[in-house]
Amino acid sequence: MFRPEDPLAPRDPVFEEPWQAQVLAMADSMVQAGRISASDWADALGAELARAEAAGQPDTTATYYAAALAALETLTTKATPITAEELAIRKADWTRAHERTPHGQPVRLARDAD
């Protein structure tokens, strides 16, 4: 989100879809709550963007979103009791739930539905 008082804020939309911006909102919430520092976020995001560039990924909003999500996941496992394994399981649960949900219907997470 562009804030005129913040000269470093992006002037154009960073993401193609509004829901993609939630990764930045979650990171900001973690910073505001004191779970991570702004420099931790900047370092993690910078490292993920550098990895993407080194891997030859294009400079697109999709690449930026993937890097931001990876950075947030890494910091989440460091700053909370959530482990990387638990995070991977939850992501797989959501993927399965999404895949079995008819178009236009709300996605419901139910582990016992498999």
Protein backbone atom coordinates (compact mmCIF):
# COMPACT_ATOMS: atom_id res chain seq x y z
CA MET A 1 0.00 0.00 0.00
CA PHE A 2 1.44 3.38 -0.99
CA ARG A 3 1.77 5.82 1.88
CA PRO A 4 2.87 9.31 0.81
CA GLU A 5 4.75 9.76 4.07
CA ASP A 6 6.86 6.68 3.31
CA PRO A 7 9.25 7.37 0.42
CA LEU A 8 10.25 3.69 0.29
CA ALA A 9 6.70 2.42 -0.12
CA PRO A 10 5.90 1.07 -3.59
CA ARG A 11 4.05 3.48 -5.86
CA ASP A 12 2.48 0.76 -8.02
CA PRO A 13 0.67 -2.36 -6.90
CA VAL A 14 3.20 -4.95 -5.79
CA PHE A 15 0.88 -7.89 -6.44
CA GLU A 16 -1.53 -8.92 -9.17
CA GLU A 17 -4.20 -10.09 -6.74
CA PRO A 18 -5.36 -8.36 -3.54
CA TRP A 19 -5.10 -11.59 -1.55
CA GLN A 20 -1.39 -11.77 -2.30
CA ALA A 21 -0.87 -8.59 -0.28
CA GLN A 22 -1.88 -10.48 2.84
CA VAL A 23 1.66 -11.83 3.14
CA LEU A 24 2.93 -8.26 3.64
CA ALA A 25 0.11 -7.48 6.05
CA MET A 26 0.97 -10.56 8.10
CA ALA A 27 4.64 -9.63 8.16
CA ASP A 28 3.74 -6.10 9.24
CA SER A 29 1.51 -7.52 11.99
CA MET A 30 4.38 -9.67 13.24
CA VAL A 31 6.68 -6.64 13.29
CA GLN A 32 4.08 -4.49 15.08
CA ALA A 33 3.50 -7.27 17.63
CA GLY A 34 7.23 -7.52 18.30
CA ARG A 35 7.47 -11.13 17.09
CA ILE A 36 10.07 -10.17 14.49
CA SER A 37 12.03 -7.01 13.83
CA ALA A 38 11.73 -4.93 10.68
CA SER A 39 15.38 -5.71 9.93
CA ASP A 40 14.71 -9.47 10.32
CA TRP A 41 11.90 -9.11 7.77
CA ALA A 42 14.05 -7.08 5.38
CA ASP A 43 16.93 -9.56 5.68
CA ALA A 44 14.70 -12.60 5.15
CA LEU A 45 12.89 -11.06 2.19
CA GLY A 46 16.17 -9.89 0.67
CA ALA A 47 17.64 -13.38 1.03
CA GLU A 48 14.62 -14.98 -0.66
CA LEU A 49 14.70 -12.46 -3.51
CA ALA A 50 18.43 -13.11 -3.96
CA ARG A 51 17.74 -16.87 -4.08
CA ALA A 52 15.07 -16.32 -6.72
CA GLU A 53 17.40 -14.17 -8.81
CA ALA A 54 20.24 -16.70 -8.49
CA ALA A 55 17.84 -19.43 -9.63
CA GLY A 56 17.03 -17.39 -12.72
CA GLN A 57 13.44 -16.67 -11.77
CA PRO A 58 11.87 -13.72 -13.59
CA ASP A 59 11.39 -10.38 -11.87
CA THR A 60 7.60 -10.61 -11.61
CA THR A 61 4.94 -10.07 -8.99
CA ALA A 62 4.56 -13.85 -8.72
CA THR A 63 8.26 -14.23 -7.90
CA TYR A 64 8.04 -11.43 -5.34
CA TYR A 65 4.98 -13.04 -3.73
CA ALA A 66 6.72 -16.44 -3.54
CA ALA A 67 9.79 -14.81 -1.97
CA ALA A 68 7.70 -12.85 0.53
CA LEU A 69 5.75 -15.97 1.48
CA ALA A 70 8.94 -18.03 1.92
CA ALA A 71 10.46 -15.28 4.07
CA LEU A 72 7.34 -15.07 6.22
CA GLU A 73 7.23 -18.85 6.66
CA THR A 74 10.90 -18.95 7.65
CA LEU A 75 10.45 -16.18 10.21
CA THR A 76 7.24 -17.74 11.51
CA THR A 77 9.02 -20.98 12.34
CA LYS A 78 11.75 -19.01 14.12
CA ALA A 79 9.46 -16.64 16.05
CA THR A 80 6.60 -18.94 17.02
CA PRO A 81 6.15 -22.47 18.33
CA ILE A 82 5.10 -23.60 14.82
CA THR A 83 7.63 -25.99 13.31
CA ALA A 84 8.50 -26.27 9.63
CA GLU A 85 6.95 -29.75 9.63
CA GLU A 86 3.70 -28.48 11.13
CA LEU A 87 3.63 -25.68 8.59
CA ALA A 88 4.16 -28.12 5.71
CA ILE A 89 1.34 -30.35 6.98
CA ARG A 90 -1.04 -27.41 7.28
CA LYS A 91 -0.17 -26.17 3.80
CA ALA A 92 -0.82 -29.66 2.38
CA ASP A 93 -4.16 -29.78 4.23
CA TRP A 94 -5.19 -26.45 2.70
CA THR A 95 -4.06 -27.53 -0.77
CA ARG A 96 -6.18 -30.70 -0.57
CA ALA A 97 -9.15 -28.74 0.75
CA HIS A 98 -8.82 -26.21 -2.07
CA GLU A 99 -8.56 -28.94 -4.72
CA ARG A 100 -11.71 -30.70 -3.56
CA THR A 101 -13.81 -27.53 -3.20
CA PRO A 102 -16.19 -26.74 -6.08
CA HIS A 103 -15.62 -23.39 -7.78
CA GLY A 104 -17.38 -20.56 -5.99
CA GLN A 105 -17.75 -22.43 -2.72
CA PRO A 106 -15.88 -21.57 0.46
CA VAL A 107 -12.83 -23.70 1.17
CA ARG A 108 -13.23 -25.64 4.39
CA LEU A 109 -10.32 -27.24 6.14
CA ALA A 110 -11.24 -30.66 7.46
CA ARG A 111 -8.41 -33.13 7.96
CA ASP A 112 -10.77 -36.02 8.60
CA ALA A 113 -12.47 -35.50 5.19
CA ASP A 114 -9.61 -37.29 3.37
